[in-house]
Amino acid sequence: MIISKEIEFDMGHRIPHHKSKCRSPHGHRYKLIVYLMGDVLDLEGESDHGMVMDFSDIKKILMEEIDEQFDHAFVYWEKDEALCDFYEKEDHFKSVKVSFTPTVENLAGWFFHQLHVRFMDTYGNNLTLNAVELFETPTCKAVCHGLED
């Protein structure tokens, strides 16, 4: 069985070597959808009976791992000298320094890696993170399927 849950958050970034306007700091309303695969729980009398995972438990993990860290933050590459200089001086702004160019593709892969550990066999029902979809705009997204450690 595969189930999904989505959250939305606002985040800024820049692609420093982009040939067009994405080289300038800007932001998006991101939408992240996680797809979880596992067995339906057969725990008669338990809250999670008949579920792969309770959607409120999924939301809690997404809020802790994604929303709290990235909502209204600016994500920048550790090799982006201009933004490194700025955020080192202006440490009161919410920012996240990453080891990669913060494209939607790289962010989707990174989010997958961060989340798969939290979901992996949470209930002993072979639960795995099957995929994440990260929408940068309503019409542009990256999809990351299972990665190997």
Protein backbone atom coordinates (compact mmCIF):
# COMPACT_ATOMS: atom_id res chain seq x y z
CA MET A 1 0.00 0.00 0.00
CA ILE A 2 1.26 3.51 -0.78
CA ILE A 3 -0.01 6.59 1.04
CA SER A 4 0.99 10.23 0.66
CA LYS A 5 1.02 13.43 2.67
CA GLU A 6 1.87 16.93 1.51
CA ILE A 7 2.98 20.15 3.15
CA GLU A 8 3.71 23.60 1.76
CA PHE A 9 6.33 26.09 2.89
CA ASP A 10 7.95 29.30 1.71
CA MET A 11 11.69 29.31 1.07
CA GLY A 12 14.25 31.40 -0.77
CA HIS A 13 17.34 30.36 -2.72
CA ARG A 14 19.54 31.32 -5.62
CA ILE A 15 21.38 29.39 -8.31
CA PRO A 16 24.63 31.40 -8.49
CA HIS A 17 25.78 30.29 -11.95
CA HIS A 18 22.36 30.17 -13.62
CA LYS A 19 22.23 31.73 -17.09
CA SER A 20 19.06 33.66 -16.31
CA LYS A 21 17.19 35.38 -13.48
CA CYS A 22 17.51 32.44 -11.03
CA ARG A 23 21.03 33.66 -10.23
CA SER A 24 19.36 36.43 -8.18
CA PRO A 25 18.01 35.72 -4.69
CA HIS A 26 14.32 34.84 -4.92
CA GLY A 27 11.71 32.67 -3.25
CA HIS A 28 9.03 30.10 -3.97
CA ARG A 29 5.99 28.53 -2.37
CA TYR A 30 7.24 24.92 -2.27
CA LYS A 31 5.02 21.88 -1.99
CA LEU A 32 6.52 18.62 -0.73
CA ILE A 33 4.64 15.34 -1.15
CA VAL A 34 5.98 12.22 0.52
CA TYR A 35 4.93 8.72 -0.57
CA LEU A 36 5.19 5.98 2.03
CA MET A 37 4.90 2.29 1.24
CA GLY A 38 4.17 -0.39 3.80
CA ASP A 39 1.82 -3.04 5.02
CA VAL A 40 -1.58 -2.06 6.41
CA LEU A 41 -1.45 -2.55 10.17
CA ASP A 42 -3.68 -5.28 11.54
CA LEU A 43 -3.76 -4.13 15.15
CA GLU A 44 -7.36 -4.58 16.19
CA GLY A 45 -8.33 -2.16 18.92
CA GLU A 46 -5.32 0.11 18.29
CA SER A 47 -5.47 3.67 16.98
CA ASP A 48 -3.48 2.75 13.85
CA HIS A 49 -5.57 -0.32 12.95
CA GLY A 50 -6.14 -0.45 9.19
CA MET A 51 -3.48 2.18 8.40
CA VAL A 52 0.01 2.17 6.92
CA MET A 53 0.86 5.14 9.17
CA ASP A 54 -1.34 7.71 10.87
CA PHE A 55 -1.37 10.89 8.75
CA SER A 56 -0.95 13.02 11.89
CA ASP A 57 2.29 11.15 12.67
CA ILE A 58 3.50 11.77 9.11
CA LYS A 59 2.68 15.47 9.43
CA LYS A 60 4.55 15.69 12.76
CA ILE A 61 7.72 14.33 11.14
CA LEU A 62 7.39 16.63 8.12
CA MET A 63 6.89 19.65 10.34
CA GLU A 64 9.95 18.77 12.46
CA GLU A 65 12.27 17.86 9.60
CA ILE A 66 11.17 20.28 6.88
CA ASP A 67 8.86 23.06 8.01
CA GLU A 68 10.70 24.08 11.19
CA GLN A 69 14.04 24.24 9.42
CA PHE A 70 13.11 25.54 5.96
CA ASP A 71 9.88 27.57 6.16
CA HIS A 72 10.75 31.25 5.67
CA ALA A 73 14.45 30.41 5.42
CA PHE A 74 16.95 31.19 2.71
CA VAL A 75 18.92 28.18 1.46
CA TYR A 76 22.33 28.84 0.00
CA TRP A 77 25.31 26.85 -1.30
CA GLU A 78 28.42 26.80 0.87
CA LYS A 79 30.48 27.88 -2.18
CA ASP A 80 28.30 30.95 -2.85
CA GLU A 81 30.79 33.49 -1.50
CA ALA A 82 28.44 36.48 -1.66
CA LEU A 83 25.73 34.80 0.39
CA CYS A 84 28.19 33.16 2.77
CA ASP A 85 29.65 36.59 3.54
CA PHE A 86 26.18 38.06 3.99
CA TYR A 87 24.78 35.33 6.26
CA GLU A 88 27.93 35.20 8.38
CA LYS A 89 27.51 38.94 9.08
CA GLU A 90 23.71 38.84 9.34
CA ASP A 91 23.23 35.77 11.50
CA HIS A 92 19.80 36.87 12.76
CA PHE A 93 18.18 35.88 9.43
CA LYS A 94 16.88 32.34 9.09
CA SER A 95 19.19 30.56 6.66
CA VAL A 96 20.38 27.07 5.81
CA LYS A 97 23.82 26.50 4.28
CA VAL A 98 24.01 23.37 2.13
CA SER A 99 26.84 21.53 0.38
CA PHE A 100 25.16 21.66 -3.05
CA THR A 101 23.60 24.16 -5.43
CA PRO A 102 20.03 24.49 -4.09
CA THR A 103 18.15 23.45 -7.21
CA VAL A 104 14.79 21.71 -6.84
CA GLU A 105 16.46 18.45 -7.96
CA ASN A 106 19.19 18.62 -5.32
CA LEU A 107 16.76 19.70 -2.62
CA ALA A 108 14.38 16.81 -3.44
CA GLY A 109 17.25 14.32 -3.10
CA TRP A 110 18.43 15.90 0.13
CA PHE A 111 14.92 15.94 1.62
CA PHE A 112 14.52 12.28 0.65
CA HIS A 113 17.76 11.39 2.42
CA GLN A 114 16.78 13.36 5.55
CA LEU A 115 13.30 11.84 5.72
CA HIS A 116 13.87 8.20 4.83
CA VAL A 117 15.62 7.50 8.15
CA ARG A 118 12.69 8.95 10.11
CA PHE A 119 10.12 6.82 8.29
CA MET A 120 12.05 3.57 7.81
CA ASP A 121 10.01 0.74 9.32
CA THR A 122 8.45 3.05 11.92
CA TYR A 123 5.74 0.56 12.89
CA GLY A 124 7.41 -2.73 12.00
CA ASN A 125 5.21 -2.97 8.92
CA ASN A 126 7.96 -2.73 6.28
CA LEU A 127 7.36 1.03 6.06
CA THR A 128 9.68 2.82 3.65
CA LEU A 129 9.80 6.22 2.04
CA ASN A 130 8.98 5.41 -1.56
CA ALA A 131 9.40 8.87 -3.11
CA VAL A 132 9.27 12.60 -2.58
CA GLU A 133 7.94 15.16 -5.01
CA LEU A 134 9.13 18.71 -4.51
CA PHE A 135 7.25 21.41 -6.42
CA GLU A 136 9.18 24.65 -6.84
CA THR A 137 6.27 26.21 -8.71
CA PRO A 138 2.83 24.82 -9.54
CA THR A 139 4.21 23.49 -12.85
CA CYS A 140 7.84 22.61 -11.99
CA LYS A 141 8.86 19.73 -9.74
CA ALA A 142 11.50 17.12 -9.07
CA VAL A 143 10.70 13.55 -8.03
CA CYS A 144 13.19 11.49 -6.05
CA HIS A 145 12.63 7.76 -5.67
CA GLY A 146 14.44 5.48 -3.21
CA LEU A 147 18.13 6.23 -2.76
CA GLU A 148 20.74 3.85 -1.46
CA ASP A 149 22.71 4.83 1.65
